[in-house]
N, C-alpha and C. Protein backbone atom coordinates (compact mmCIF):
# COMPACT_ATOMS: atom_id res chain seq x y z
N MET A 1 16.63 -63.05 -15.27
CA MET A 1 17.44 -64.08 -15.48
C MET A 1 18.43 -64.72 -14.44
N LEU A 2 19.18 -63.95 -14.04
CA LEU A 2 20.24 -63.92 -12.98
C LEU A 2 19.59 -63.79 -11.94
N LYS A 3 18.75 -63.08 -11.79
CA LYS A 3 18.40 -62.36 -10.62
C LYS A 3 17.17 -63.99 -9.88
N ASP A 4 16.84 -64.64 -10.69
CA ASP A 4 16.41 -65.99 -10.55
C ASP A 4 17.30 -66.68 -9.86
N LEU A 5 18.67 -66.59 -10.24
CA LEU A 5 19.44 -67.82 -9.69
C LEU A 5 19.66 -67.29 -8.52
N GLY A 6 19.26 -66.22 -7.91
CA GLY A 6 20.09 -65.78 -6.54
C GLY A 6 21.05 -64.93 -6.40
N ILE A 7 21.38 -64.50 -7.65
CA ILE A 7 22.85 -63.57 -7.68
C ILE A 7 21.99 -61.94 -7.27
N PRO A 8 22.51 -61.48 -6.51
CA PRO A 8 22.37 -59.94 -6.12
C PRO A 8 22.77 -59.19 -7.20
N GLU A 9 21.55 -57.81 -7.48
CA GLU A 9 21.87 -57.12 -8.21
C GLU A 9 23.26 -56.44 -8.67
N HIS A 10 23.65 -56.10 -7.16
CA HIS A 10 24.71 -55.52 -7.12
C HIS A 10 26.10 -55.91 -7.71
N LEU A 11 25.96 -57.40 -8.05
CA LEU A 11 27.23 -58.00 -8.34
C LEU A 11 27.03 -58.12 -10.42
N ILE A 12 25.84 -58.23 -10.50
CA ILE A 12 25.42 -58.05 -12.00
C ILE A 12 25.70 -56.61 -12.44
N TRP A 13 26.89 -56.83 -13.13
CA TRP A 13 27.37 -55.51 -14.49
C TRP A 13 26.96 -55.91 -16.08
N GLN A 14 26.07 -54.72 -16.19
CA GLN A 14 25.32 -55.03 -17.47
C GLN A 14 26.25 -54.30 -18.40
N LEU A 15 26.36 -55.03 -19.74
CA LEU A 15 27.06 -54.73 -20.98
C LEU A 15 26.72 -54.26 -21.92
N ASN A 16 25.02 -53.52 -21.97
CA ASN A 16 24.13 -53.36 -22.87
C ASN A 16 24.85 -51.97 -23.69
N GLU A 17 25.54 -51.44 -23.20
CA GLU A 17 26.10 -50.29 -23.89
C GLU A 17 27.13 -50.63 -25.10
N PHE A 18 27.97 -51.67 -25.13
CA PHE A 18 29.12 -51.93 -25.63
C PHE A 18 28.63 -52.52 -26.61
N ASP A 19 29.11 -52.30 -28.03
CA ASP A 19 29.09 -53.06 -29.09
C ASP A 19 30.14 -54.06 -29.16
N ASN A 20 31.15 -54.37 -28.97
CA ASN A 20 32.07 -55.65 -28.80
C ASN A 20 31.79 -55.87 -27.18
N HIS A 21 31.22 -57.02 -26.69
CA HIS A 21 30.96 -57.39 -25.37
C HIS A 21 32.40 -58.03 -25.08
N LYS A 22 32.76 -59.00 -25.78
CA LYS A 22 34.06 -59.74 -25.70
C LYS A 22 35.60 -58.90 -25.25
N ARG A 23 35.03 -57.76 -26.43
CA ARG A 23 36.53 -56.49 -26.02
C ARG A 23 36.24 -55.82 -24.51
N ALA A 24 35.34 -55.71 -23.98
CA ALA A 24 34.73 -55.18 -22.69
C ALA A 24 35.06 -56.42 -21.56
N ILE A 25 34.47 -57.37 -21.91
CA ILE A 25 35.07 -58.27 -21.00
C ILE A 25 36.31 -58.90 -20.59
N GLU A 26 37.33 -58.97 -21.82
CA GLU A 26 38.84 -58.63 -21.91
C GLU A 26 39.26 -57.80 -20.73
N PHE A 27 38.55 -56.52 -21.56
CA PHE A 27 39.34 -55.56 -20.51
C PHE A 27 39.40 -55.46 -19.28
N ILE A 28 38.14 -55.88 -18.61
CA ILE A 28 37.63 -55.63 -17.44
C ILE A 28 38.58 -57.00 -16.62
N LYS A 29 38.59 -57.86 -17.34
CA LYS A 29 39.25 -59.35 -16.72
C LYS A 29 40.71 -58.94 -16.37
N GLN A 30 41.46 -58.04 -17.38
CA GLN A 30 43.07 -57.63 -16.63
C GLN A 30 42.75 -56.86 -15.64
N PHE A 31 41.90 -56.31 -15.03
CA PHE A 31 42.08 -55.98 -13.70
C PHE A 31 41.38 -56.54 -12.20
N GLN A 32 41.03 -57.91 -12.55
CA GLN A 32 40.66 -59.08 -11.45
C GLN A 32 41.64 -58.93 -10.64
N ASP A 33 42.83 -58.88 -10.75
CA ASP A 33 44.22 -59.21 -9.41
C ASP A 33 44.56 -58.02 -9.33
N THR A 34 44.23 -56.51 -9.53
CA THR A 34 45.08 -55.66 -9.57
C THR A 34 44.13 -54.39 -8.80
N LEU A 35 42.81 -54.49 -9.19
CA LEU A 35 41.72 -53.51 -8.28
C LEU A 35 40.88 -54.13 -7.61
N CYS A 36 40.57 -53.18 -6.60
CA CYS A 36 39.23 -54.26 -5.51
C CYS A 36 38.03 -53.60 -6.12
N VAL A 37 37.04 -54.16 -5.74
CA VAL A 37 35.50 -53.53 -5.97
C VAL A 37 34.85 -53.45 -5.09
N TYR A 38 34.49 -51.84 -4.83
CA TYR A 38 33.27 -51.76 -3.79
C TYR A 38 32.02 -51.74 -4.26
N SER A 39 31.26 -52.41 -3.32
CA SER A 39 29.93 -52.44 -3.91
C SER A 39 28.99 -51.38 -2.61
N ALA A 40 28.56 -50.45 -3.05
CA ALA A 40 27.71 -49.38 -2.11
C ALA A 40 26.18 -50.04 -1.48
N PRO A 41 25.74 -50.88 -2.44
CA PRO A 41 24.45 -51.47 -1.45
C PRO A 41 24.31 -52.33 -0.57
N VAL A 42 25.81 -52.61 -0.59
CA VAL A 42 26.32 -53.64 0.56
C VAL A 42 27.05 -53.26 1.42
N GLU A 43 27.73 -52.03 1.43
CA GLU A 43 28.98 -51.34 1.99
C GLU A 43 29.74 -52.43 2.21
N GLN A 44 30.60 -53.02 0.96
CA GLN A 44 31.72 -53.85 1.04
C GLN A 44 32.48 -53.63 -0.16
N LEU A 45 33.82 -54.00 0.38
CA LEU A 45 35.13 -53.98 -0.28
C LEU A 45 35.55 -55.18 -0.55
N TYR A 46 35.74 -55.68 -1.87
CA TYR A 46 35.89 -57.01 -2.51
C TYR A 46 37.29 -57.16 -2.82
N THR A 47 38.60 -57.75 -2.37
CA THR A 47 39.77 -57.83 -2.26
C THR A 47 40.00 -58.61 -2.94
N ASN A 48 39.21 -60.04 -2.79
CA ASN A 48 39.48 -61.33 -3.65
C ASN A 48 38.20 -61.58 -4.20
N TYR A 49 37.90 -61.63 -5.94
CA TYR A 49 36.96 -62.04 -6.20
C TYR A 49 37.11 -62.30 -7.54
N ASP A 50 36.33 -63.02 -8.22
CA ASP A 50 36.37 -63.34 -9.88
C ASP A 50 35.10 -62.65 -10.34
N ILE A 51 35.74 -62.60 -11.72
CA ILE A 51 34.56 -62.21 -12.82
C ILE A 51 34.43 -63.39 -13.18
N SER A 52 32.79 -63.41 -13.63
CA SER A 52 32.54 -64.35 -14.37
C SER A 52 31.38 -64.22 -15.18
N LEU A 53 31.37 -64.97 -16.46
CA LEU A 53 30.62 -64.62 -17.44
C LEU A 53 29.14 -66.02 -17.12
N PRO A 54 27.85 -65.27 -17.54
CA PRO A 54 26.68 -65.92 -17.31
C PRO A 54 27.03 -67.12 -18.75
N GLU A 55 26.66 -68.30 -18.70
CA GLU A 55 26.45 -68.84 -19.79
C GLU A 55 25.35 -68.77 -21.00
N ASP A 56 24.46 -68.27 -20.49
CA ASP A 56 23.02 -67.60 -21.53
C ASP A 56 22.99 -66.27 -21.49
N ASN A 57 23.70 -65.59 -21.21
CA ASN A 57 23.85 -64.35 -21.22
C ASN A 57 25.28 -63.73 -21.59
N ASP A 58 25.51 -63.18 -23.05
CA ASP A 58 26.91 -62.22 -22.71
C ASP A 58 27.05 -60.77 -23.10
N ARG A 59 25.53 -60.27 -22.50
CA ARG A 59 25.63 -58.70 -21.93
C ARG A 59 25.36 -58.26 -20.60
N SER A 60 26.29 -59.78 -19.87
CA SER A 60 26.50 -59.01 -18.21
C SER A 60 27.61 -60.03 -18.02
N LEU A 61 28.40 -59.44 -16.65
CA LEU A 61 28.84 -60.47 -15.99
C LEU A 61 29.25 -60.54 -14.51
N ILE A 62 29.24 -61.20 -14.07
CA ILE A 62 29.45 -61.31 -12.38
C ILE A 62 30.63 -60.84 -11.98
N ILE A 63 30.13 -60.14 -10.95
CA ILE A 63 31.47 -59.95 -9.99
C ILE A 63 31.14 -60.86 -8.46
N LEU A 64 32.24 -62.03 -8.60
CA LEU A 64 31.96 -62.91 -7.45
C LEU A 64 32.85 -63.04 -6.39
N PRO A 65 33.00 -62.59 -4.98
CA PRO A 65 33.62 -62.42 -3.90
C PRO A 65 33.71 -64.19 -3.92
N ASN A 66 35.09 -64.12 -3.54
CA ASN A 66 35.51 -65.73 -2.90
C ASN A 66 34.96 -66.25 -1.88
N PRO A 67 34.14 -67.07 -2.00
CA PRO A 67 33.24 -67.59 -0.63
C PRO A 67 34.54 -68.29 0.19
N TYR A 68 35.23 -68.72 0.10
CA TYR A 68 36.40 -69.16 0.99
C TYR A 68 37.03 -68.43 1.54
N ALA A 69 37.38 -67.04 1.07
CA ALA A 69 38.43 -65.75 1.70
C ALA A 69 37.26 -64.41 2.13
N TYR A 70 36.66 -65.13 3.03
CA TYR A 70 35.77 -64.20 3.78
C TYR A 70 36.47 -63.11 4.43
N HIS A 71 37.75 -62.99 5.08
CA HIS A 71 38.55 -62.35 5.24
C HIS A 71 39.26 -61.57 4.47
N ASP A 72 39.00 -61.73 3.08
CA ASP A 72 39.17 -60.61 2.12
C ASP A 72 38.03 -59.41 1.52
N THR A 73 36.76 -59.51 2.66
CA THR A 73 35.98 -58.56 2.02
C THR A 73 36.07 -58.01 3.34
N PHE A 74 36.04 -56.57 2.91
CA PHE A 74 35.73 -55.30 4.25
C PHE A 74 34.37 -54.98 3.98
N ASN A 75 33.60 -55.01 5.36
CA ASN A 75 32.19 -54.92 5.61
C ASN A 75 32.38 -53.38 6.33
N GLY A 76 31.28 -52.95 6.26
CA GLY A 76 30.60 -51.14 6.70
C GLY A 76 31.51 -50.17 5.91
N ILE A 77 31.92 -50.10 4.91
CA ILE A 77 32.70 -49.22 4.29
C ILE A 77 31.31 -48.33 3.64
N GLY A 78 30.88 -47.36 4.00
CA GLY A 78 29.77 -46.40 3.80
C GLY A 78 30.29 -45.93 2.31
N ASP A 79 29.34 -45.71 2.16
CA ASP A 79 29.55 -44.90 0.77
C ASP A 79 30.15 -43.51 0.46
N HIS A 80 30.15 -42.84 1.60
CA HIS A 80 30.20 -41.55 2.04
C HIS A 80 32.16 -41.53 2.01
N SER A 81 32.53 -42.59 1.87
CA SER A 81 34.26 -42.60 2.22
C SER A 81 34.70 -43.03 0.74
N VAL A 82 33.91 -42.98 -0.76
CA VAL A 82 34.12 -43.77 -1.55
C VAL A 82 33.76 -42.76 -2.83
N HIS A 83 34.70 -41.72 -3.52
CA HIS A 83 34.40 -40.50 -4.00
C HIS A 83 35.12 -41.18 -5.79
N ALA A 84 34.24 -40.32 -6.54
CA ALA A 84 34.31 -40.62 -8.03
C ALA A 84 36.05 -39.71 -8.14
N SER A 85 36.91 -40.07 -9.08
CA SER A 85 37.85 -39.51 -9.45
C SER A 85 38.38 -38.91 -10.25
N GLY A 86 37.56 -39.07 -11.22
CA GLY A 86 37.54 -38.32 -12.64
C GLY A 86 38.54 -38.67 -13.57
N MET A 87 39.53 -40.02 -13.12
CA MET A 87 40.29 -40.41 -13.64
C MET A 87 39.49 -41.73 -14.37
N TYR A 88 40.43 -41.85 -15.48
CA TYR A 88 39.83 -43.05 -16.36
C TYR A 88 41.50 -44.24 -16.87
N ILE A 89 40.68 -45.38 -16.80
CA ILE A 89 42.35 -46.13 -17.46
C ILE A 89 41.49 -46.77 -19.10
N VAL A 90 42.17 -46.21 -19.97
CA VAL A 90 41.74 -46.77 -20.91
C VAL A 90 42.78 -47.52 -21.92
N PRO A 91 42.47 -48.15 -22.76
CA PRO A 91 43.42 -48.82 -24.09
C PRO A 91 44.20 -47.64 -24.74
N GLY A 92 45.48 -48.16 -24.95
CA GLY A 92 46.54 -47.24 -25.55
C GLY A 92 46.33 -47.06 -27.02
N ASP A 93 45.38 -48.45 -27.72
CA ASP A 93 44.97 -48.52 -28.87
C ASP A 93 43.65 -47.19 -29.16
N LEU A 94 43.56 -46.83 -28.29
CA LEU A 94 42.61 -45.38 -28.56
C LEU A 94 43.53 -44.41 -28.88
N PHE A 95 44.64 -44.27 -28.40
CA PHE A 95 45.56 -43.18 -29.20
C PHE A 95 46.47 -43.31 -29.72
N GLY A 96 46.29 -44.53 -30.57
CA GLY A 96 47.27 -45.06 -31.52
C GLY A 96 48.24 -46.13 -30.98
N ASN A 97 48.44 -46.11 -29.11
CA ASN A 97 49.49 -46.39 -28.95
C ASN A 97 49.27 -48.00 -28.26
N GLU A 98 50.10 -48.93 -27.63
CA GLU A 98 49.94 -50.38 -26.70
C GLU A 98 49.82 -49.91 -25.39
N GLY A 99 49.34 -50.67 -24.99
CA GLY A 99 49.20 -50.80 -23.27
C GLY A 99 48.32 -50.07 -22.53
N LEU A 100 48.25 -50.08 -21.44
CA LEU A 100 47.16 -48.87 -20.85
C LEU A 100 47.23 -47.72 -20.32
N PHE A 101 46.54 -46.54 -20.52
CA PHE A 101 46.81 -45.25 -20.09
C PHE A 101 45.95 -44.80 -19.21
N LEU A 102 46.32 -44.04 -18.35
CA LEU A 102 44.68 -43.34 -17.45
C LEU A 102 45.53 -41.78 -17.55
N THR A 103 44.18 -41.52 -17.72
CA THR A 103 43.63 -40.29 -18.00
C THR A 103 44.02 -39.05 -16.72
N LEU A 104 44.81 -38.15 -16.68
CA LEU A 104 44.85 -37.31 -15.30
C LEU A 104 44.38 -35.99 -15.92
N ARG A 105 43.81 -35.08 -14.76
CA ARG A 105 43.63 -33.98 -14.91
C ARG A 105 44.16 -33.04 -14.33
N LEU A 106 44.54 -32.35 -15.35
CA LEU A 106 45.72 -31.16 -14.96
C LEU A 106 45.25 -29.54 -15.12
N LEU A 107 45.94 -28.66 -14.78
CA LEU A 107 46.00 -27.54 -14.75
C LEU A 107 46.88 -26.79 -15.91
N LYS A 108 46.44 -26.40 -16.90
CA LYS A 108 47.65 -25.73 -17.76
C LYS A 108 47.04 -24.49 -18.45
N TYR A 109 47.98 -24.05 -18.00
CA TYR A 109 47.76 -22.43 -18.54
C TYR A 109 46.46 -21.68 -17.87
N GLY A 110 46.21 -22.64 -16.63
CA GLY A 110 45.00 -22.11 -15.77
C GLY A 110 43.85 -22.48 -16.48
N LYS A 111 43.67 -23.61 -17.21
CA LYS A 111 42.15 -24.40 -17.63
C LYS A 111 43.17 -25.82 -17.22
N ARG A 112 42.09 -26.26 -17.14
CA ARG A 112 41.65 -28.02 -16.83
C ARG A 112 41.61 -28.71 -18.18
N VAL A 113 42.85 -29.44 -18.34
CA VAL A 113 43.16 -30.67 -19.48
C VAL A 113 43.38 -31.96 -18.72
N ILE A 114 42.69 -32.72 -19.84
CA ILE A 114 42.87 -34.28 -19.36
C ILE A 114 43.93 -34.84 -20.63
N LYS A 115 44.88 -35.17 -19.75
CA LYS A 115 46.22 -35.62 -20.42
C LYS A 115 46.42 -37.44 -20.33
N PRO A 116 46.05 -37.96 -20.92
CA PRO A 116 46.36 -39.33 -21.28
C PRO A 116 48.01 -40.00 -20.72
N VAL A 117 48.30 -40.54 -19.61
CA VAL A 117 49.84 -40.75 -19.77
C VAL A 117 49.60 -42.48 -19.39
N PRO A 118 51.10 -43.19 -19.98
CA PRO A 118 50.90 -44.77 -19.45
C PRO A 118 50.64 -44.88 -17.76
N LEU A 119 49.71 -46.10 -17.72
CA LEU A 119 48.98 -46.38 -16.47
C LEU A 119 50.16 -46.44 -15.44
N LYS A 120 51.54 -46.83 -15.86
CA LYS A 120 52.50 -47.09 -14.48
C LYS A 120 52.85 -45.82 -14.24
N VAL A 121 53.18 -44.48 -15.25
CA VAL A 121 53.67 -43.26 -15.01
C VAL A 121 52.54 -42.53 -13.96
N GLY A 122 51.26 -42.54 -14.19
CA GLY A 122 50.18 -42.01 -13.70
C GLY A 122 50.20 -42.24 -12.59
N LEU A 123 50.01 -43.75 -12.08
CA LEU A 123 49.88 -44.22 -10.98
C LEU A 123 51.30 -43.80 -10.11
N TRP A 124 52.31 -43.70 -10.70
CA TRP A 124 53.61 -43.34 -9.88
C TRP A 124 53.36 -42.29 -9.27
N ALA A 125 52.98 -41.10 -10.38
CA ALA A 125 52.64 -39.67 -9.84
C ALA A 125 51.94 -39.38 -9.11
N LEU A 126 50.47 -39.96 -8.78
CA LEU A 126 49.69 -39.93 -7.88
C LEU A 126 50.14 -40.27 -6.67
N MET A 127 51.14 -41.83 -6.59
CA MET A 127 51.30 -42.65 -5.57
C MET A 127 52.53 -41.45 -4.34
N LYS A 128 53.30 -40.40 -5.66
CA LYS A 128 54.45 -39.38 -5.00
C LYS A 128 53.83 -38.43 -5.17
N LYS A 129 52.49 -37.99 -5.45
CA LYS A 129 51.90 -36.86 -4.68
C LYS A 129 51.03 -37.14 -3.44
N GLU A 130 50.77 -38.34 -3.11
CA GLU A 130 49.89 -38.33 -1.96
C GLU A 130 50.56 -37.93 -0.95
N THR A 131 49.59 -37.92 0.26
CA THR A 131 49.91 -37.50 1.70
C THR A 131 49.69 -38.73 2.46
N ASN A 132 50.01 -38.62 4.05
CA ASN A 132 49.22 -39.78 4.96
C ASN A 132 47.64 -39.65 5.06
N GLU A 133 47.65 -37.95 5.09
CA GLU A 133 45.83 -37.57 5.07
C GLU A 133 44.99 -38.12 4.06
N VAL A 134 45.85 -38.01 2.56
CA VAL A 134 44.88 -38.10 1.68
C VAL A 134 45.70 -39.66 0.58
N PRO A 135 45.80 -40.77 0.92
CA PRO A 135 46.50 -41.58 -0.20
C PRO A 135 45.57 -41.85 -1.15
N PHE A 136 46.12 -42.15 -2.26
CA PHE A 136 45.31 -42.78 -3.34
C PHE A 136 44.88 -43.98 -3.64
N LEU A 137 43.82 -44.28 -3.17
CA LEU A 137 43.59 -45.85 -2.52
C LEU A 137 42.59 -46.17 -3.66
N PRO A 138 42.51 -46.19 -5.20
CA PRO A 138 41.67 -46.77 -6.42
C PRO A 138 41.10 -47.85 -5.88
N VAL A 139 39.58 -47.72 -6.60
CA VAL A 139 38.78 -48.91 -6.52
C VAL A 139 37.82 -49.08 -7.60
N ILE A 140 36.91 -50.04 -8.10
CA ILE A 140 35.70 -49.73 -9.10
C ILE A 140 34.55 -50.30 -8.30
N THR A 141 33.53 -49.62 -9.08
CA THR A 141 32.29 -49.85 -8.78
C THR A 141 31.16 -50.19 -9.63
N LYS A 142 30.31 -50.96 -9.59
CA LYS A 142 29.30 -50.71 -10.79
C LYS A 142 29.17 -49.67 -11.15
N GLY A 143 29.15 -50.18 -12.86
CA GLY A 143 29.15 -48.51 -13.49
C GLY A 143 30.25 -48.27 -14.08
N ASP A 144 31.49 -47.96 -13.44
CA ASP A 144 32.68 -47.60 -13.61
C ASP A 144 32.99 -48.45 -15.03
N LEU A 145 32.82 -49.48 -15.33
CA LEU A 145 33.02 -50.07 -17.07
C LEU A 145 32.23 -49.28 -17.67
N ARG A 146 33.07 -48.62 -18.57
CA ARG A 146 31.91 -47.93 -19.36
C ARG A 146 32.50 -47.84 -21.03
N ALA A 147 31.50 -47.35 -22.17
CA ALA A 147 32.11 -47.45 -23.40
C ALA A 147 32.24 -46.18 -23.76
N PHE A 148 33.65 -46.18 -24.40
CA PHE A 148 33.79 -44.62 -24.99
C PHE A 148 33.63 -45.13 -26.74
N ARG A 149 32.84 -44.46 -27.34
CA ARG A 149 32.51 -44.51 -29.23
C ARG A 149 32.51 -45.65 -29.00
N LYS A 150 31.40 -46.63 -28.32
CA LYS A 150 30.56 -47.52 -28.11
C LYS A 150 31.69 -49.01 -28.18
N ASP A 151 32.74 -49.08 -28.84
CA ASP A 151 33.67 -49.81 -28.86
C ASP A 151 34.84 -50.10 -27.90
N PHE A 152 35.42 -49.01 -27.60
CA PHE A 152 36.38 -48.70 -26.69
C PHE A 152 35.69 -49.06 -25.52
N PRO A 153 36.12 -49.96 -24.46
CA PRO A 153 36.17 -50.06 -22.90
C PRO A 153 36.98 -48.89 -22.38
N CYS A 154 36.34 -48.63 -21.13
CA CYS A 154 37.58 -47.58 -20.21
C CYS A 154 36.72 -47.74 -18.67
N LEU A 155 37.81 -47.42 -17.73
CA LEU A 155 37.42 -48.14 -16.48
C LEU A 155 37.59 -46.55 -15.60
N HIS A 156 36.45 -46.36 -15.53
CA HIS A 156 36.37 -45.35 -14.23
C HIS A 156 37.03 -45.37 -12.98
N LEU A 157 37.65 -44.72 -12.37
CA LEU A 157 37.84 -44.70 -10.71
C LEU A 157 37.69 -44.51 -9.94
N HIS A 158 37.10 -45.05 -8.97
CA HIS A 158 36.91 -44.25 -7.73
C HIS A 158 37.80 -44.35 -6.45
N ARG A 159 37.86 -43.73 -5.37
CA ARG A 159 39.16 -43.80 -4.54
C ARG A 159 38.22 -44.11 -3.16
N ILE A 160 38.95 -44.69 -2.41
CA ILE A 160 38.12 -44.53 -0.67
C ILE A 160 39.01 -43.84 -0.10
N GLN A 161 38.73 -42.88 0.78
CA GLN A 161 39.36 -41.56 1.56
C GLN A 161 39.09 -42.26 2.99
N PRO A 162 40.04 -42.64 3.52
CA PRO A 162 40.48 -43.71 5.19
C PRO A 162 39.66 -42.13 6.02
N SER A 163 39.78 -41.08 5.77
CA SER A 163 39.54 -40.10 6.87
C SER A 163 38.23 -40.03 7.07
N LYS A 164 37.56 -40.74 6.05
CA LYS A 164 36.18 -40.52 6.05
C LYS A 164 35.81 -41.94 6.50
N LEU A 165 36.68 -43.12 7.03
CA LEU A 165 35.92 -44.07 7.64
C LEU A 165 35.94 -44.26 8.86
N THR A 166 35.13 -43.24 9.33
CA THR A 166 35.28 -42.75 11.05
C THR A 166 34.86 -44.12 11.69
N ASP A 167 34.31 -45.09 11.44
CA ASP A 167 33.51 -45.92 12.33
C ASP A 167 34.11 -47.31 11.97
N ARG A 168 35.62 -47.05 11.26
CA ARG A 168 36.31 -48.23 11.18
C ARG A 168 37.69 -48.43 12.28
N SER A 169 38.19 -49.19 12.81
CA SER A 169 39.79 -49.26 13.85
C SER A 169 40.38 -48.75 12.64
N SER A 170 41.54 -48.12 13.37
CA SER A 170 42.75 -47.45 12.29
C SER A 170 43.35 -49.14 12.18
N MET A 171 43.30 -50.14 12.67
CA MET A 171 44.03 -51.12 12.31
C MET A 171 43.08 -52.33 10.89
N GLU A 172 41.97 -51.53 10.65
CA GLU A 172 41.28 -52.20 9.22
C GLU A 172 41.35 -51.31 8.55
N ILE A 173 41.74 -49.81 8.73
CA ILE A 173 41.61 -48.64 7.85
C ILE A 173 43.31 -49.03 7.31
N LYS A 174 44.34 -49.35 7.87
CA LYS A 174 45.44 -49.85 7.44
C LYS A 174 45.47 -51.27 6.73
N ALA A 175 44.76 -52.30 6.83
CA ALA A 175 44.57 -53.21 6.31
C ALA A 175 44.11 -52.94 5.37
N ILE A 176 43.12 -52.38 4.89
CA ILE A 176 42.59 -51.94 3.51
C ILE A 176 43.16 -50.78 2.80
N GLN A 177 44.30 -50.51 3.33
CA GLN A 177 45.28 -49.60 2.65
C GLN A 177 46.54 -50.42 2.15
N LYS A 178 46.68 -51.60 2.85
CA LYS A 178 47.51 -52.49 2.42
C LYS A 178 47.37 -53.23 1.38
N VAL A 179 45.81 -53.64 1.62
CA VAL A 179 45.48 -54.43 0.51
C VAL A 179 45.55 -53.72 -1.40
N ILE A 180 45.17 -52.67 -0.93
CA ILE A 180 44.68 -51.66 -2.20
C ILE A 180 45.89 -51.61 -2.72
N ARG A 181 47.01 -51.44 -1.85
CA ARG A 181 48.79 -51.22 -2.63
C ARG A 181 49.28 -52.08 -3.26
N GLU A 182 49.05 -53.46 -2.51
CA GLU A 182 49.83 -54.59 -2.91
C GLU A 182 49.35 -55.24 -3.98
N LYS A 183 47.79 -54.84 -4.38
CA LYS A 183 47.68 -55.23 -5.42
C LYS A 183 47.91 -54.00 -6.94
N LEU A 184 48.38 -52.61 -6.27
CA LEU A 184 48.51 -51.82 -7.60
C LEU A 184 50.16 -52.31 -7.28
N GLN A 185 50.72 -52.77 -6.99
CA GLN A 185 52.12 -53.08 -7.24
C GLN A 185 52.82 -53.90 -8.46
N VAL A 186 51.62 -54.30 -8.96
CA VAL A 186 51.83 -55.01 -10.18
C VAL A 186 52.37 -53.76 -11.44
N TYR A 187 51.54 -52.56 -11.17
CA TYR A 187 51.87 -51.43 -11.97
C TYR A 187 52.75 -50.69 -11.84
N LEU A 188 53.54 -50.98 -10.83
CA LEU A 188 54.47 -49.89 -9.91
C LEU A 188 55.96 -50.13 -10.21
């Protein structure tokens, strides 16, 4: 149906795996102004977009880049420069807490463990740990909105690695880093 309206497939995110679609939509909408969206099929990074809901389909949502802010879309960002981070943003009620949590992979006694920490604390720790060569630049992609136990939405994070943006100018790389950072400031 949505393809018939001329909406490209890479902008349509399916919600079929969720029992509670409304909860998934409310969860993802809170990141609209704080996380950028990367689309591998068109090699674009959207920094200014809306999350739209089709009137006749509650099992999907649409990521719509702002057509009046073409300068807020970065083109030619190859998928070789965007990697899964293994980190998730999860609702605190999954743990009996309020707010949002970030799952961090840590080494404890030589074993990998996953530790949920408040989102602000986790992002702050990641930013403190980063270097100029390996900054933490989180983005989301189609498929990153996932269901945990069918009812709890969670959001997997990808990250852009500037060192792999070899065909982009240093000015454009700095602009990408700046916009991702500015959006994250709401959590810091």
